[in-house]
Amino acid sequence: MNPTFSSLGLGSEIVAALTDQGYETPTPIQAAAIPKALAGHDLLAAAQTGTGKTAAFMLPSLERLKRFA
């Protein structure tokens, strides 16, 4: 079974925004990185250009920042 953004631990607001933009399934780098980043772990990841590394880093950051909004 393929992971979903919500199964990785992202909140409903971020998942809805991703869905609105046409992103329904995380890439392999996102599936590997998002849960670890949400748990507060440091990451070092490498993947080909265009595979979603920036989102893999920023989505958990945005999720964690929501606590302070």
PDB file of N, CA and C in Angstrom:
ATOM      1  N   MET A   1       0.835  -1.187   0.000  1.00  0.00           N
ATOM      2  CA  MET A   1       0.000   0.000   0.000  1.00  0.00           C
ATOM      3  C   MET A   1       0.877   1.248   0.000  1.00  0.00           C
ATOM      4  N   ASN A   2       0.530   2.199  -0.842  1.00  0.00           N
ATOM      5  CA  ASN A   2       1.288   3.442  -0.919  1.00  0.00           C
ATOM      6  C   ASN A   2       0.908   4.362   0.232  1.00  0.00           C
ATOM      7  N   PRO A   3       1.887   5.040   0.816  1.00  0.00           N
ATOM      8  CA  PRO A   3       1.572   5.970   1.901  1.00  0.00           C
ATOM      9  C   PRO A   3       0.833   7.195   1.359  1.00  0.00           C
ATOM     10  N   THR A   4       0.118   7.853   2.230  1.00  0.00           N
ATOM     11  CA  THR A   4      -0.520   9.130   1.911  1.00  0.00           C
ATOM     12  C   THR A   4       0.142  10.200   2.768  1.00  0.00           C
ATOM     13  N   PHE A   5      -0.088  11.449   2.406  1.00  0.00           N
ATOM     14  CA  PHE A   5       0.484  12.520   3.215  1.00  0.00           C
ATOM     15  C   PHE A   5      -0.070  12.481   4.634  1.00  0.00           C
ATOM     16  N   SER A   6      -1.344  12.155   4.783  1.00  0.00           N
ATOM     17  CA  SER A   6      -1.906  12.106   6.138  1.00  0.00           C
ATOM     18  C   SER A   6      -1.355  10.924   6.921  1.00  0.00           C
ATOM     19  N   SER A   7      -1.092   9.792   6.258  1.00  0.00           N
ATOM     20  CA  SER A   7      -0.533   8.643   6.981  1.00  0.00           C
ATOM     21  C   SER A   7       0.903   8.900   7.430  1.00  0.00           C
ATOM     22  N   LEU A   8       1.560   9.895   6.835  1.00  0.00           N
ATOM     23  CA  LEU A   8       2.918  10.260   7.244  1.00  0.00           C
ATOM     24  C   LEU A   8       2.912  11.158   8.471  1.00  0.00           C
ATOM     25  N   GLY A   9       1.731  11.645   8.849  1.00  0.00           N
ATOM     26  CA  GLY A   9       1.629  12.456  10.050  1.00  0.00           C
ATOM     27  C   GLY A   9       1.343  13.926   9.818  1.00  0.00           C
ATOM     28  N   LEU A  10       1.142  14.318   8.563  1.00  0.00           N
ATOM     29  CA  LEU A  10       0.826  15.715   8.289  1.00  0.00           C
ATOM     30  C   LEU A  10      -0.631  15.988   8.633  1.00  0.00           C
ATOM     31  N   GLY A  11      -0.909  17.193   9.107  1.00  0.00           N
ATOM     32  CA  GLY A  11      -2.254  17.570   9.513  1.00  0.00           C
ATOM     33  C   GLY A  11      -3.183  17.812   8.335  1.00  0.00           C
ATOM     34  N   SER A  12      -4.463  17.873   8.643  1.00  0.00           N
ATOM     35  CA  SER A  12      -5.491  17.982   7.607  1.00  0.00           C
ATOM     36  C   SER A  12      -5.382  19.273   6.797  1.00  0.00           C
ATOM     37  N   GLU A  13      -4.949  20.374   7.410  1.00  0.00           N
ATOM     38  CA  GLU A  13      -4.830  21.632   6.667  1.00  0.00           C
ATOM     39  C   GLU A  13      -3.767  21.531   5.580  1.00  0.00           C
ATOM     40  N   ILE A  14      -2.632  20.963   5.918  1.00  0.00           N
ATOM     41  CA  ILE A  14      -1.552  20.821   4.940  1.00  0.00           C
ATOM     42  C   ILE A  14      -1.933  19.798   3.881  1.00  0.00           C
ATOM     43  N   VAL A  15      -2.539  18.696   4.289  1.00  0.00           N
ATOM     44  CA  VAL A  15      -2.969  17.672   3.327  1.00  0.00           C
ATOM     45  C   VAL A  15      -3.988  18.265   2.356  1.00  0.00           C
ATOM     46  N   ALA A  16      -4.930  19.068   2.850  1.00  0.00           N
ATOM     47  CA  ALA A  16      -5.924  19.697   1.979  1.00  0.00           C
ATOM     48  C   ALA A  16      -5.258  20.644   0.983  1.00  0.00           C
ATOM     49  N   ALA A  17      -4.273  21.416   1.444  1.00  0.00           N
ATOM     50  CA  ALA A  17      -3.558  22.329   0.550  1.00  0.00           C
ATOM     51  C   ALA A  17      -2.795  21.557  -0.522  1.00  0.00           C
ATOM     52  N   LEU A  18      -2.174  20.453  -0.138  1.00  0.00           N
ATOM     53  CA  LEU A  18      -1.466  19.622  -1.114  1.00  0.00           C
ATOM     54  C   LEU A  18      -2.429  19.050  -2.141  1.00  0.00           C
ATOM     55  N   THR A  19      -3.570  18.550  -1.668  1.00  0.00           N
ATOM     56  CA  THR A  19      -4.574  17.971  -2.565  1.00  0.00           C
ATOM     57  C   THR A  19      -5.104  19.030  -3.525  1.00  0.00           C
ATOM     58  N   ASP A  20      -5.355  20.231  -3.016  1.00  0.00           N
ATOM     59  CA  ASP A  20      -5.830  21.327  -3.868  1.00  0.00           C
ATOM     60  C   ASP A  20      -4.843  21.637  -4.989  1.00  0.00           C
ATOM     61  N   GLN A  21      -3.560  21.429  -4.730  1.00  0.00           N
ATOM     62  CA  GLN A  21      -2.527  21.688  -5.734  1.00  0.00           C
ATOM     63  C   GLN A  21      -2.229  20.471  -6.607  1.00  0.00           C
ATOM     64  N   GLY A  22      -2.946  19.368  -6.373  1.00  0.00           N
ATOM     65  CA  GLY A  22      -2.794  18.184  -7.212  1.00  0.00           C
ATOM     66  C   GLY A  22      -1.798  17.159  -6.710  1.00  0.00           C
ATOM     67  N   TYR A  23      -1.301  17.329  -5.493  1.00  0.00           N
ATOM     68  CA  TYR A  23      -0.352  16.373  -4.925  1.00  0.00           C
ATOM     69  C   TYR A  23      -1.113  15.408  -4.024  1.00  0.00           C
ATOM     70  N   GLU A  24      -1.190  14.159  -4.441  1.00  0.00           N
ATOM     71  CA  GLU A  24      -1.976  13.182  -3.689  1.00  0.00           C
ATOM     72  C   GLU A  24      -1.122  12.115  -3.021  1.00  0.00           C
ATOM     73  N   THR A  25       0.027  11.807  -3.610  1.00  0.00           N
ATOM     74  CA  THR A  25       0.871  10.726  -3.111  1.00  0.00           C
ATOM     75  C   THR A  25       2.291  11.243  -2.894  1.00  0.00           C
ATOM     76  N   PRO A  26       2.867  11.005  -1.734  1.00  0.00           N
ATOM     77  CA  PRO A  26       4.245  11.450  -1.507  1.00  0.00           C
ATOM     78  C   PRO A  26       5.239  10.655  -2.352  1.00  0.00           C
ATOM     79  N   THR A  27       6.322  11.313  -2.706  1.00  0.00           N
ATOM     80  CA  THR A  27       7.401  10.628  -3.411  1.00  0.00           C
ATOM     81  C   THR A  27       8.176   9.774  -2.408  1.00  0.00           C
ATOM     82  N   PRO A  28       9.019   8.865  -2.877  1.00  0.00           N
ATOM     83  CA  PRO A  28       9.785   8.035  -1.939  1.00  0.00           C
ATOM     84  C   PRO A  28      10.616   8.842  -0.936  1.00  0.00           C
ATOM     85  N   ILE A  29      11.254   9.924  -1.372  1.00  0.00           N
ATOM     86  CA  ILE A  29      12.055  10.717  -0.432  1.00  0.00           C
ATOM     87  C   ILE A  29      11.152  11.389   0.598  1.00  0.00           C
ATOM     88  N   GLN A  30       9.977  11.826   0.188  1.00  0.00           N
ATOM     89  CA  GLN A  30       9.030  12.430   1.123  1.00  0.00           C
ATOM     90  C   GLN A  30       8.515  11.394   2.117  1.00  0.00           C
ATOM     91  N   ALA A  31       8.192  10.211   1.628  1.00  0.00           N
ATOM     92  CA  ALA A  31       7.687   9.149   2.509  1.00  0.00           C
ATOM     93  C   ALA A  31       8.731   8.744   3.541  1.00  0.00           C
ATOM     94  N   ALA A  32       9.994   8.798   3.165  1.00  0.00           N
ATOM     95  CA  ALA A  32      11.059   8.423   4.095  1.00  0.00           C
ATOM     96  C   ALA A  32      11.383   9.545   5.076  1.00  0.00           C
ATOM     97  N   ALA A  33      11.335  10.789   4.610  1.00  0.00           N
ATOM     98  CA  ALA A  33      11.816  11.909   5.423  1.00  0.00           C
ATOM     99  C   ALA A  33      10.760  12.537   6.323  1.00  0.00           C
ATOM    100  N   ILE A  34       9.537  12.661   5.855  1.00  0.00           N
ATOM    101  CA  ILE A  34       8.522  13.416   6.600  1.00  0.00           C
ATOM    102  C   ILE A  34       8.291  12.867   8.005  1.00  0.00           C
ATOM    103  N   PRO A  35       8.077  11.564   8.192  1.00  0.00           N
ATOM    104  CA  PRO A  35       7.850  11.081   9.566  1.00  0.00           C
ATOM    105  C   PRO A  35       9.038  11.340  10.499  1.00  0.00           C
ATOM    106  N   LYS A  36      10.242  11.189   9.982  1.00  0.00           N
ATOM    107  CA  LYS A  36      11.430  11.427  10.808  1.00  0.00           C
ATOM    108  C   LYS A  36      11.555  12.904  11.169  1.00  0.00           C
ATOM    109  N   ALA A  37      11.291  13.777  10.214  1.00  0.00           N
ATOM    110  CA  ALA A  37      11.364  15.212  10.483  1.00  0.00           C
ATOM    111  C   ALA A  37      10.281  15.639  11.471  1.00  0.00           C
ATOM    112  N   LEU A  38       9.081  15.084  11.333  1.00  0.00           N
ATOM    113  CA  LEU A  38       8.008  15.407  12.277  1.00  0.00           C
ATOM    114  C   LEU A  38       8.356  14.961  13.694  1.00  0.00           C
ATOM    115  N   ALA A  39       9.136  13.899  13.792  1.00  0.00           N
ATOM    116  CA  ALA A  39       9.552  13.395  15.103  1.00  0.00           C
ATOM    117  C   ALA A  39      10.720  14.190  15.679  1.00  0.00           C
ATOM    118  N   GLY A  40      11.228  15.161  14.907  1.00  0.00           N
ATOM    119  CA  GLY A  40      12.293  16.013  15.406  1.00  0.00           C
ATOM    120  C   GLY A  40      13.693  15.518  15.128  1.00  0.00           C
ATOM    121  N   HIS A  41      13.823  14.508  14.280  1.00  0.00           N
ATOM    122  CA  HIS A  41      15.146  13.971  13.961  1.00  0.00           C
ATOM    123  C   HIS A  41      15.839  14.835  12.916  1.00  0.00           C
ATOM    124  N   ASP A  42      17.148  14.888  12.974  1.00  0.00           N
ATOM    125  CA  ASP A  42      17.939  15.524  11.931  1.00  0.00           C
ATOM    126  C   ASP A  42      17.927  14.623  10.708  1.00  0.00           C
ATOM    127  N   LEU A  43      18.034  15.244   9.531  1.00  0.00           N
ATOM    128  CA  LEU A  43      17.999  14.484   8.288  1.00  0.00           C
ATOM    129  C   LEU A  43      19.180  14.831   7.405  1.00  0.00           C
ATOM    130  N   LEU A  44      19.634  13.842   6.691  1.00  0.00           N
ATOM    131  CA  LEU A  44      20.572  14.016   5.596  1.00  0.00           C
ATOM    132  C   LEU A  44      20.040  13.128   4.493  1.00  0.00           C
ATOM    133  N   ALA A  45      19.600  13.742   3.405  1.00  0.00           N
ATOM    134  CA  ALA A  45      18.952  12.972   2.347  1.00  0.00           C
ATOM    135  C   ALA A  45      19.474  13.414   0.992  1.00  0.00           C
ATOM    136  N   ALA A  46      19.508  12.488   0.075  1.00  0.00           N
ATOM    137  CA  ALA A  46      19.909  12.779  -1.295  1.00  0.00           C
ATOM    138  C   ALA A  46      18.936  12.098  -2.238  1.00  0.00           C
ATOM    139  N   ALA A  47      18.536  12.824  -3.252  1.00  0.00           N
ATOM    140  CA  ALA A  47      17.646  12.273  -4.270  1.00  0.00           C
ATOM    141  C   ALA A  47      17.801  13.133  -5.518  1.00  0.00           C
ATOM    142  N   GLN A  48      17.362  12.591  -6.621  1.00  0.00           N
ATOM    143  CA  GLN A  48      17.466  13.269  -7.901  1.00  0.00           C
ATOM    144  C   GLN A  48      16.668  14.574  -7.888  1.00  0.00           C
ATOM    145  N   THR A  49      17.089  15.527  -8.701  1.00  0.00           N
ATOM    146  CA  THR A  49      16.376  16.783  -8.857  1.00  0.00           C
ATOM    147  C   THR A  49      14.934  16.511  -9.275  1.00  0.00           C
ATOM    148  N   GLY A  50      14.004  17.229  -8.641  1.00  0.00           N
ATOM    149  CA  GLY A  50      12.599  17.107  -9.004  1.00  0.00           C
ATOM    150  C   GLY A  50      11.834  16.031  -8.267  1.00  0.00           C
ATOM    151  N   THR A  51      12.442  15.445  -7.235  1.00  0.00           N
ATOM    152  CA  THR A  51      11.773  14.357  -6.520  1.00  0.00           C
ATOM    153  C   THR A  51      11.066  14.812  -5.248  1.00  0.00           C
ATOM    154  N   GLY A  52      11.105  16.095  -4.935  1.00  0.00           N
ATOM    155  CA  GLY A  52      10.354  16.597  -3.796  1.00  0.00           C
ATOM    156  C   GLY A  52      11.135  16.756  -2.510  1.00  0.00           C
ATOM    157  N   LYS A  53      12.450  16.930  -2.617  1.00  0.00           N
ATOM    158  CA  LYS A  53      13.263  17.087  -1.402  1.00  0.00           C
ATOM    159  C   LYS A  53      12.877  18.335  -0.619  1.00  0.00           C
ATOM    160  N   THR A  54      12.613  19.427  -1.310  1.00  0.00           N
ATOM    161  CA  THR A  54      12.258  20.660  -0.609  1.00  0.00           C
ATOM    162  C   THR A  54      10.965  20.480   0.175  1.00  0.00           C
ATOM    163  N   ALA A  55       9.974  19.863  -0.429  1.00  0.00           N
ATOM    164  CA  ALA A  55       8.714  19.596   0.283  1.00  0.00           C
ATOM    165  C   ALA A  55       8.944  18.621   1.430  1.00  0.00           C
ATOM    166  N   ALA A  56       9.836  17.660   1.241  1.00  0.00           N
ATOM    167  CA  ALA A  56      10.129  16.690   2.306  1.00  0.00           C
ATOM    168  C   ALA A  56      10.691  17.393   3.533  1.00  0.00           C
ATOM    169  N   PHE A  57      11.378  18.499   3.329  1.00  0.00           N
ATOM    170  CA  PHE A  57      11.932  19.285   4.431  1.00  0.00           C
ATOM    171  C   PHE A  57      10.926  20.310   4.960  1.00  0.00           C
ATOM    172  N   MET A  58      10.247  21.005   4.046  1.00  0.00           N
ATOM    173  CA  MET A  58       9.399  22.129   4.454  1.00  0.00           C
ATOM    174  C   MET A  58       8.043  21.723   5.013  1.00  0.00           C
ATOM    175  N   LEU A  59       7.434  20.673   4.498  1.00  0.00           N
ATOM    176  CA  LEU A  59       6.108  20.291   5.010  1.00  0.00           C
ATOM    177  C   LEU A  59       6.144  19.971   6.505  1.00  0.00           C
ATOM    178  N   PRO A  60       7.107  19.183   6.981  1.00  0.00           N
ATOM    179  CA  PRO A  60       7.179  18.971   8.431  1.00  0.00           C
ATOM    180  C   PRO A  60       7.501  20.258   9.194  1.00  0.00           C
ATOM    181  N   SER A  61       8.301  21.122   8.605  1.00  0.00           N
ATOM    182  CA  SER A  61       8.617  22.398   9.256  1.00  0.00           C
ATOM    183  C   SER A  61       7.355  23.233   9.421  1.00  0.00           C
ATOM    184  N   LEU A  62       6.536  23.297   8.377  1.00  0.00           N
ATOM    185  CA  LEU A  62       5.277  24.039   8.463  1.00  0.00           C
ATOM    186  C   LEU A  62       4.339  23.415   9.488  1.00  0.00           C
ATOM    187  N   GLU A  63       4.297  22.094   9.513  1.00  0.00           N
ATOM    188  CA  GLU A  63       3.443  21.394  10.481  1.00  0.00           C
ATOM    189  C   GLU A  63       3.865  21.735  11.908  1.00  0.00           C
ATOM    190  N   ARG A  64       5.139  21.758  12.152  1.00  0.00           N
ATOM    191  CA  ARG A  64       5.630  22.069  13.501  1.00  0.00           C
ATOM    192  C   ARG A  64       5.404  23.544  13.847  1.00  0.00           C
ATOM    193  N   LEU A  65       5.500  24.437  12.860  1.00  0.00           N
ATOM    194  CA  LEU A  65       5.275  25.863  13.102  1.00  0.00           C
ATOM    195  C   LEU A  65       3.808  26.171  13.402  1.00  0.00           C
ATOM    196  N   LYS A  66       2.890  25.331  12.939  1.00  0.00           N
ATOM    197  CA  LYS A  66       1.464  25.561  13.198  1.00  0.00           C
ATOM    198  C   LYS A  66       1.170  25.626  14.693  1.00  0.00           C
ATOM    199  N   ARG A  67       1.982  24.984  15.492  1.00  0.00           N
ATOM    200  CA  ARG A  67       1.771  25.002  16.945  1.00  0.00           C
ATOM    201  C   ARG A  67       1.857  26.408  17.524  1.00  0.00           C
ATOM    202  N   PHE A  68       2.597  27.274  16.849  1.00  0.00           N
ATOM    203  CA  PHE A  68       2.833  28.618  17.359  1.00  0.00           C
ATOM    204  C   PHE A  68       1.951  29.665  16.694  1.00  0.00           C
ATOM    205  N   ALA A  69       1.095  29.248  15.781  1.00  0.00           N
ATOM    206  CA  ALA A  69       0.237  30.200  15.051  1.00  0.00           C
ATOM    207  C   ALA A  69      -0.998  30.545  15.856  1.00  0.00           C
TER     208      ALA A  69
END
